[in-house]
Protein backbone atom coordinates (compact mmCIF):
# COMPACT_ATOMS: atom_id res chain seq x y z
CA MET A 1 16.59 -28.55 48.38
CA SER A 2 19.34 -25.59 47.71
CA SER A 3 19.47 -25.94 43.72
CA LEU A 4 16.06 -25.91 44.17
CA VAL A 5 14.80 -22.47 45.33
CA ALA A 6 18.17 -21.02 44.22
CA ASN A 7 16.19 -18.89 41.88
CA LEU A 8 12.45 -18.99 43.42
CA SER A 9 10.98 -16.33 45.01
CA LEU A 10 10.18 -15.58 48.74
CA ALA A 11 6.82 -16.80 48.27
CA ASP A 12 7.72 -19.64 46.77
CA VAL A 13 10.31 -21.04 48.83
CA LYS A 14 7.91 -20.65 52.19
CA ASN A 15 4.91 -22.92 49.63
CA ALA A 16 8.10 -25.37 49.37
CA LEU A 17 8.17 -25.55 53.39
CA ARG A 18 4.60 -25.87 54.09
CA LEU A 19 4.30 -28.47 51.87
CA LEU A 20 6.81 -30.36 53.76
CA THR A 21 5.16 -29.59 56.93
CA LEU A 22 2.61 -32.42 57.72
CA LEU A 23 -0.48 -31.41 60.36
CA ASP A 24 0.15 -35.15 61.49
CA TYR A 25 3.03 -36.91 63.70
CA TYR A 26 5.24 -39.74 62.04
CA ASP A 27 7.53 -41.77 63.33
CA PRO A 28 9.27 -44.64 61.95
CA LYS A 29 7.07 -47.15 63.21
CA LYS A 30 3.72 -45.27 61.99
CA LEU A 31 5.33 -44.97 58.72
CA HIS A 32 5.97 -48.65 57.63
CA SER A 33 2.68 -49.82 59.43
CA LEU A 34 -0.05 -47.40 57.29
CA HIS A 35 -3.61 -48.96 57.13
CA GLY A 36 -4.11 -50.15 53.78
CA GLY A 37 -0.46 -49.11 52.75
CA SER A 38 -1.24 -45.60 52.19
CA GLU A 39 -2.67 -42.83 53.38
CA LEU A 40 -3.44 -38.63 52.43
CA THR A 41 -2.46 -36.40 55.31
CA THR A 42 -3.12 -32.52 55.67
CA THR A 43 0.65 -29.85 55.23
CA LEU A 44 0.64 -26.89 56.29
CA TYR A 45 0.15 -25.47 52.61
CA GLN A 46 -3.08 -26.13 52.63
CA THR A 47 -4.22 -24.89 55.55
CA THR A 48 -2.62 -21.33 53.84
CA GLY A 49 -5.90 -21.00 51.97
CA ASP A 50 -3.30 -20.62 48.69
CA ALA A 51 -3.39 -24.28 47.51
CA SER A 52 -5.96 -25.45 44.71
CA GLY A 53 -8.52 -27.77 45.40
CA ASP A 54 -6.28 -30.72 47.90
CA MET A 55 -2.97 -29.79 46.75
CA GLY A 56 -1.64 -28.92 49.68
CA HIS A 57 -2.29 -32.97 50.74
CA VAL A 58 0.41 -35.70 50.21
CA ASN A 59 -0.20 -39.01 49.84
CA ILE A 60 2.21 -41.36 51.69
CA THR A 61 2.38 -44.97 50.58
CA ASN A 62 4.32 -47.68 51.51
CA LEU A 63 6.68 -49.01 48.78
CA ARG A 64 8.36 -52.26 47.42
CA GLY A 65 11.70 -52.78 49.25
CA GLY A 66 10.14 -50.99 52.94
CA LYS A 67 10.75 -47.97 51.29
CA VAL A 68 7.80 -45.06 52.31
CA GLY A 69 7.58 -42.60 49.54
CA PHE A 70 5.83 -38.78 49.31
CA ALA A 71 4.34 -37.89 46.77
CA SER A 72 1.42 -34.41 46.30
CA ALA A 73 -1.76 -35.31 46.13
CA GLU A 74 -2.51 -34.87 42.06
CA PRO A 75 -3.53 -37.90 40.36
CA GLY A 76 -0.55 -39.81 39.22
CA SER A 77 2.13 -37.76 40.51
CA LYS A 78 5.61 -39.97 41.45
CA PHE A 79 7.12 -40.40 44.11
CA GLN A 80 10.35 -38.73 43.56
CA ALA A 81 10.97 -38.26 47.63
CA THR A 82 11.29 -41.08 50.19
CA TYR A 83 12.23 -41.36 53.52
CA THR A 84 16.11 -41.50 54.72
CA LYS A 85 15.80 -41.52 58.35
CA SER A 86 14.32 -40.03 61.69
CA VAL A 87 16.18 -37.19 63.21
CA LYS A 88 14.45 -35.56 66.24
CA GLU A 89 11.51 -37.60 67.73
CA GLU A 90 9.07 -36.43 70.49
CA PRO A 91 6.13 -38.62 70.78
CA TYR A 92 2.84 -37.39 69.95
CA ASN A 93 3.73 -33.75 69.44
CA LEU A 94 7.03 -33.80 67.18
CA SER A 95 8.72 -35.88 64.42
CA VAL A 96 11.32 -34.77 61.88
CA LEU A 97 12.09 -37.14 59.27
CA GLU A 98 14.84 -36.82 56.37
CA VAL A 99 13.43 -37.57 52.81
CA SER A 100 15.52 -37.69 49.39
CA ASP A 101 14.14 -35.11 47.65
CA PRO A 102 11.44 -32.05 48.00
CA ILE A 103 8.11 -32.92 47.47
CA THR A 104 6.24 -30.31 44.41
CA PHE A 105 3.86 -30.58 42.03
CA PRO A 106 3.65 -28.45 38.65
CA GLY A 107 1.84 -24.91 39.52
CA LEU A 108 3.42 -24.95 43.45
CA PHE A 109 6.18 -22.41 42.11
CA THR A 110 4.41 -19.58 40.40
CA SER A 111 3.46 -16.99 43.10
CA PRO A 112 3.97 -13.95 41.70
CA SER A 113 7.14 -11.90 42.92
CA ALA A 114 7.38 -8.46 44.16
CA ALA A 115 8.87 -7.08 41.41
CA SER A 116 7.07 -7.87 38.88
CA THR A 117 3.78 -7.85 40.25
CA ASN A 118 1.19 -5.59 38.41
CA LEU A 119 -0.64 -4.39 41.41
CA THR A 120 -3.56 -3.36 39.56
CA ALA A 121 -4.05 -6.58 37.92
CA LEU A 122 -3.47 -8.56 40.62
CA LEU A 123 -5.68 -7.08 43.00
CA GLU A 124 -8.18 -7.84 39.81
CA LYS A 125 -7.35 -11.13 39.89
CA ALA A 126 -8.07 -11.50 43.48
CA GLY A 127 -11.52 -10.12 43.24
CA CYS A 128 -10.62 -6.81 44.48
CA LYS A 129 -11.55 -4.54 41.33
CA ARG A 130 -13.11 -1.56 42.92
CA PHE A 131 -10.36 -0.82 45.17
CA ALA A 132 -7.75 -1.29 42.01
CA ARG A 133 -9.89 1.46 40.47
CA LEU A 134 -9.88 3.26 43.66
CA ILE A 135 -6.09 3.54 43.94
CA VAL A 136 -6.01 4.15 40.22
CA SER A 137 -8.28 6.94 40.12
CA SER A 138 -7.10 8.48 43.24
CA GLY A 139 -2.90 8.05 42.21
CA VAL A 140 -2.06 6.52 45.63
CA VAL A 141 -1.31 3.51 43.70
CA LYS A 142 2.15 5.50 42.62
CA THR A 143 2.26 5.99 46.82
CA TYR A 144 1.82 1.91 47.06
CA GLN A 145 4.71 1.65 44.34
CA ALA A 146 6.92 4.10 45.90
CA ALA A 147 6.70 2.10 49.35
CA MET A 148 6.90 -1.44 47.91
CA ASP A 149 11.13 -1.00 48.00
CA LYS A 150 11.17 -0.37 51.25
CA GLY A 151 8.57 -2.61 52.72
CA LEU A 152 4.58 -2.50 52.00
CA THR A 153 1.57 -3.95 53.94
CA LEU A 154 -1.93 -4.14 51.91
CA PHE A 155 -5.26 -4.78 52.99
CA ALA A 156 -7.47 -4.87 49.49
CA PRO A 157 -11.26 -5.08 50.47
CA THR A 158 -13.04 -7.27 48.23
CA ASP A 159 -15.46 -6.34 45.84
CA ASP A 160 -18.33 -7.72 48.49
CA ALA A 161 -16.65 -5.53 51.20
CA PHE A 162 -18.10 -2.49 49.27
CA GLN A 163 -21.48 -3.71 49.13
CA ALA A 164 -21.78 -4.55 52.48
CA LYS A 165 -24.90 -2.78 54.30
CA GLY A 166 -24.03 0.10 56.03
CA LEU A 167 -21.39 0.88 54.68
CA PRO A 168 -20.97 5.08 54.67
CA ASP A 169 -21.02 6.59 51.06
CA LEU A 170 -17.50 6.74 50.06
CA GLY A 171 -18.63 8.74 46.83
CA LYS A 172 -19.23 11.75 49.59
CA LEU A 173 -15.74 11.93 50.51
CA THR A 174 -13.29 14.50 49.06
CA SER A 175 -10.04 13.52 47.12
CA ALA A 176 -8.37 14.57 50.23
CA ASP A 177 -10.34 12.52 52.49
CA LEU A 178 -10.41 9.68 49.52
CA VAL A 179 -6.53 9.15 49.56
CA ALA A 180 -6.30 9.28 53.06
CA LEU A 181 -8.58 5.98 53.11
CA LEU A 182 -6.89 4.62 50.75
CA GLU A 183 -3.25 4.65 52.25
CA TYR A 184 -5.30 3.97 55.91
CA HIS A 185 -5.26 0.30 54.39
CA ALA A 186 -1.76 0.26 54.00
CA LEU A 187 1.15 -0.64 56.80
CA PRO A 188 4.36 1.07 55.72
CA GLN A 189 6.32 -2.10 56.49
CA TYR A 190 6.47 -5.93 55.83
CA ALA A 191 3.96 -7.57 57.57
CA PRO A 192 2.42 -10.99 56.38
CA LYS A 193 -0.09 -12.81 58.21
CA ALA A 194 2.18 -14.47 61.01
CA SER A 195 4.45 -11.21 61.98
CA LEU A 196 0.27 -9.49 62.47
CA LYS A 197 -0.82 -12.10 64.84
CA THR A 198 2.68 -11.03 67.36
CA MET A 199 1.97 -6.71 67.03
CA LYS A 200 0.55 -5.28 69.57
CA GLY A 201 -0.85 -1.36 70.09
CA GLY A 202 -1.60 0.76 67.43
CA ILE A 203 0.22 -0.31 63.57
CA PRO A 204 1.11 3.18 61.59
CA THR A 205 -0.48 3.61 58.45
CA LEU A 206 0.68 5.04 55.45
CA ALA A 207 -2.18 7.58 56.31
CA SER A 208 -0.23 8.53 59.89
CA THR A 209 -0.02 12.42 60.66
CA GLY A 210 1.22 11.72 64.11
CA LYS A 211 1.17 9.89 67.06
CA GLY A 212 -2.16 7.75 67.50
CA LYS A 213 -3.81 9.37 64.04
CA TYR A 214 -4.74 6.95 61.79
CA ASP A 215 -3.40 3.76 63.48
CA LEU A 216 -5.14 0.36 63.34
CA SER A 217 -4.56 -2.29 65.89
CA VAL A 218 -4.60 -6.26 65.67
CA VAL A 219 -7.29 -9.00 67.01
CA ALA A 220 -5.69 -12.12 66.72
CA LYS A 221 -7.64 -15.18 67.49
CA GLY A 222 -6.13 -18.98 66.68
CA ASP A 223 -5.54 -18.64 62.95
CA ASP A 224 -8.03 -16.00 62.72
CA VAL A 225 -6.26 -12.32 62.11
CA SER A 226 -8.69 -9.23 61.93
CA MET A 227 -7.59 -5.29 61.44
CA ASP A 228 -9.74 -3.16 64.42
CA THR A 229 -9.82 0.54 63.55
CA GLY A 230 -11.42 1.27 66.59
CA MET A 231 -15.50 1.21 65.05
CA ASP A 232 -14.90 -2.08 63.36
CA LYS A 233 -12.88 -5.25 62.26
CA SER A 234 -12.10 -6.74 59.30
CA ARG A 235 -10.69 -10.07 59.03
CA VAL A 236 -7.69 -10.91 57.04
CA ALA A 237 -9.00 -13.79 54.41
CA SER A 238 -6.45 -14.50 52.67
CA THR A 239 -2.67 -13.46 51.36
CA VAL A 240 -2.42 -13.17 47.67
CA LEU A 241 1.06 -11.96 47.49
CA ASP A 242 4.16 -12.68 50.01
CA ASP A 243 7.04 -11.64 48.91
CA THR A 244 9.61 -9.96 51.17
CA PRO A 245 9.17 -7.16 51.52
CA VAL A 246 5.61 -6.36 49.98
CA THR A 247 2.73 -8.70 51.50
CA VAL A 248 -1.11 -7.83 49.81
CA HIS A 249 -3.80 -9.60 51.89
CA THR A 250 -7.26 -9.46 51.32
CA VAL A 251 -9.97 -8.66 53.67
CA ASP A 252 -13.50 -8.80 54.62
CA SER A 253 -14.53 -5.21 55.18
CA VAL A 254 -13.33 -1.69 54.39
CA LEU A 255 -11.50 0.00 56.96
CA LEU A 256 -13.34 3.23 58.51
CA PRO A 257 -10.88 5.12 59.96
CA PRO A 258 -12.32 6.98 63.04
CA GLU A 259 -10.71 10.32 61.92
CA LEU A 260 -13.32 10.56 59.09
CA PHE A 261 -16.32 8.27 60.28
CA GLY A 262 -16.17 8.81 64.07
CA GLY A 263 -19.10 11.29 63.88
CA ALA A 264 -18.38 15.02 65.88
CA PRO A 265 -14.75 15.59 66.53
CA SER A 266 -13.86 15.78 70.37
CA PRO A 267 -14.71 19.42 72.10
CA ALA A 268 -11.56 21.21 72.05
CA PRO A 269 -9.43 21.39 75.36
CA GLY A 270 -11.21 23.11 78.63
CA ALA A 271 -14.57 23.69 76.44
CA SER A 272 -17.12 22.60 79.01
CA VAL A 273 -18.85 19.43 77.74
CA ASP A 274 -22.11 19.78 79.10
CA ALA A 275 -22.50 23.37 78.96
CA PRO A 276 -26.02 23.77 76.72
CA ALA A 277 -25.05 25.47 73.52
CA SER A 278 -28.24 28.15 74.07
CA ALA A 279 -26.49 29.00 77.18
CA PRO A 280 -26.07 32.49 77.75
CA ALA A 281 -22.47 33.85 77.86
CA PRO A 282 -21.35 34.99 81.10
CA GLU A 283 -21.16 38.49 80.24
CA THR A 284 -24.75 38.81 79.81
CA SER A 285 -25.79 37.88 82.96
CA SER A 286 -23.58 40.57 84.91
CA ALA A 287 -24.45 43.21 82.88
CA PRO A 288 -24.86 46.40 85.01
CA ALA A 289 -29.00 47.43 86.07
CA PRO A 290 -29.89 50.58 83.79
CA SER A 291 -29.28 53.73 84.93
CA PRO A 292 -31.68 55.81 87.44
CA LYS A 293 -31.66 58.27 84.11
CA THR A 294 -33.66 56.15 81.99
CA ASP A 295 -36.65 56.33 84.00
CA LYS A 296 -36.69 59.76 83.91
CA THR A 297 -36.69 59.80 80.44
CA LYS A 298 -40.47 57.85 80.50
CA PRO A 299 -44.02 59.43 80.37
CA LYS A 300 -45.13 60.08 83.99
CA HIS A 301 -48.21 58.03 85.60
CA LYS A 302 -50.34 59.34 87.87
CA SER A 303 -50.37 55.97 89.34
CA PRO A 304 -46.62 54.01 88.53
CA ALA A 305 -46.55 50.90 89.29
CA HIS A 306 -43.85 50.85 92.12
CA SER A 307 -45.82 53.58 93.48
CA PRO A 308 -46.98 53.96 96.92
CA PRO A 309 -50.09 55.82 97.34
CA ALA A 310 -49.94 59.29 98.53
CA PRO A 311 -50.29 59.69 102.40
CA PRO A 312 -54.13 60.52 103.11
CA ALA A 313 -53.76 63.34 104.85
CA ASP A 314 -52.46 65.27 102.09
CA THR A 315 -55.20 64.19 99.79
CA PRO A 316 -58.50 66.03 100.09
CA ASP A 317 -61.19 62.95 99.99
CA THR A 318 -64.22 65.50 99.60
CA ALA A 319 -62.45 67.71 96.55
CA PRO A 320 -64.04 66.49 93.19
CA ALA A 321 -61.47 66.32 90.41
CA GLU A 322 -63.79 67.26 87.77
CA SER A 323 -65.03 70.40 90.55
CA PRO A 324 -64.53 73.79 88.33
CA ASP A 325 -65.82 75.88 90.69
CA GLY A 326 -62.11 74.90 93.36
CA ASP A 327 -60.59 78.53 94.20
CA GLU A 328 -56.95 79.06 93.24
CA GLU A 329 -55.55 77.90 96.89
CA ALA A 330 -57.31 74.72 96.56
CA ASP A 331 -55.76 74.44 92.81
CA LYS A 332 -52.32 75.37 94.16
CA ALA A 333 -52.92 72.77 97.07
CA ASP A 334 -53.76 69.90 94.63
CA ASN A 335 -50.96 70.67 92.32
CA LYS A 336 -48.43 70.64 95.09
CA ASN A 337 -49.91 67.62 96.75
CA GLY A 338 -49.20 66.01 92.71
CA ALA A 339 -45.77 66.77 92.51
CA THR A 340 -45.29 65.36 96.38
CA ALA A 341 -47.15 62.41 95.09
CA VAL A 342 -44.92 61.70 91.63
CA GLY A 343 -41.27 63.13 93.63
CA MET A 344 -42.77 60.30 95.91
CA GLY A 345 -42.90 58.06 93.22
CA ILE A 346 -40.05 58.05 91.26
CA ALA A 347 -37.75 58.16 94.73
CA ALA A 348 -39.84 54.59 95.22
CA MET A 349 -39.47 53.61 91.43
CA VAL A 350 -35.29 54.48 91.87
CA ALA A 351 -34.96 52.78 94.98
CA SER A 352 -36.93 49.66 93.69
CA VAL A 353 -34.46 49.65 90.75
CA ALA A 354 -31.80 50.26 92.66
CA LEU A 355 -32.61 46.85 94.96
CA VAL A 356 -33.00 44.88 92.20
CA GLY A 357 -29.19 46.13 90.72
CA ALA A 358 -28.09 45.16 93.67
CA THR A 359 -29.33 42.07 93.60
CA LEU A 360 -28.63 41.14 90.38
CA LEU A 361 -24.92 42.23 91.29
């Protein structure tokens, strides 16, 4: 086994080990009593979704001389691996068997390596052509490539994800916002699917600028893993590259950060959320009452709205206002009484305004 994996990428080594992991319980007794002398069983490699067709299955067959052989499900494959001995048995739960050789098939060791990966070509082949064009046109592909040496996990939306109903018009984003969106689809660390399942809380992305800003979280249920933005969730559909320190996953929807698509910003600290926008400013309601001088400049009215009627004793009921024959004394008395009434009216108005001012204050 050591000679086989010596020059393989980590992704190829993982596939070789997955093909050796059978998802059924086999002990020596069961191996030597196969129904019909042969059967196909599923492996961990088949369940990852990386296997082509049924190539993730293994053929177990009882051979001549009491031997048990293991081979790929590919038609015509030779039984290069045979059962040697049992290493550990936990009945119906776990069985560790030793075999003579690895189980392989042509094409098993063709996974791309991070060092030789053309990222855009890889994405296009995986059905993420729209995403590949965006990272090239925006220049973000250079950011990804610079991060690949230290650690990079990429979540690439499929082409169908960009056709999803209700997706915001990404063409309206500014150049800076588009860069932030694309950087939001990458983590500055190596996180294969198994590692994602164990991650808790907010996970910083390449777009993260501060605590809690542009973070992602993981929702895992069984073998299903989804990335949660706080606005929606996107399922991790497949892994197209897994070679430390880089892994590339496809996701079935575009990751939408609340910082770009969350609607109106929160009120500034200390602002009143409940106050309507049209409420008058506090200083308007506390403005001082008008000065009495303002009222003096207004034209004098014979019957002010707030003036009380002149006392009856001072107003002669029998003297017609239009009489031209009144003597001079009567005219003087009238003028005096009129002046008195106007003066009292002004005083009453001043008192009324002062009361209103006091009430407002």
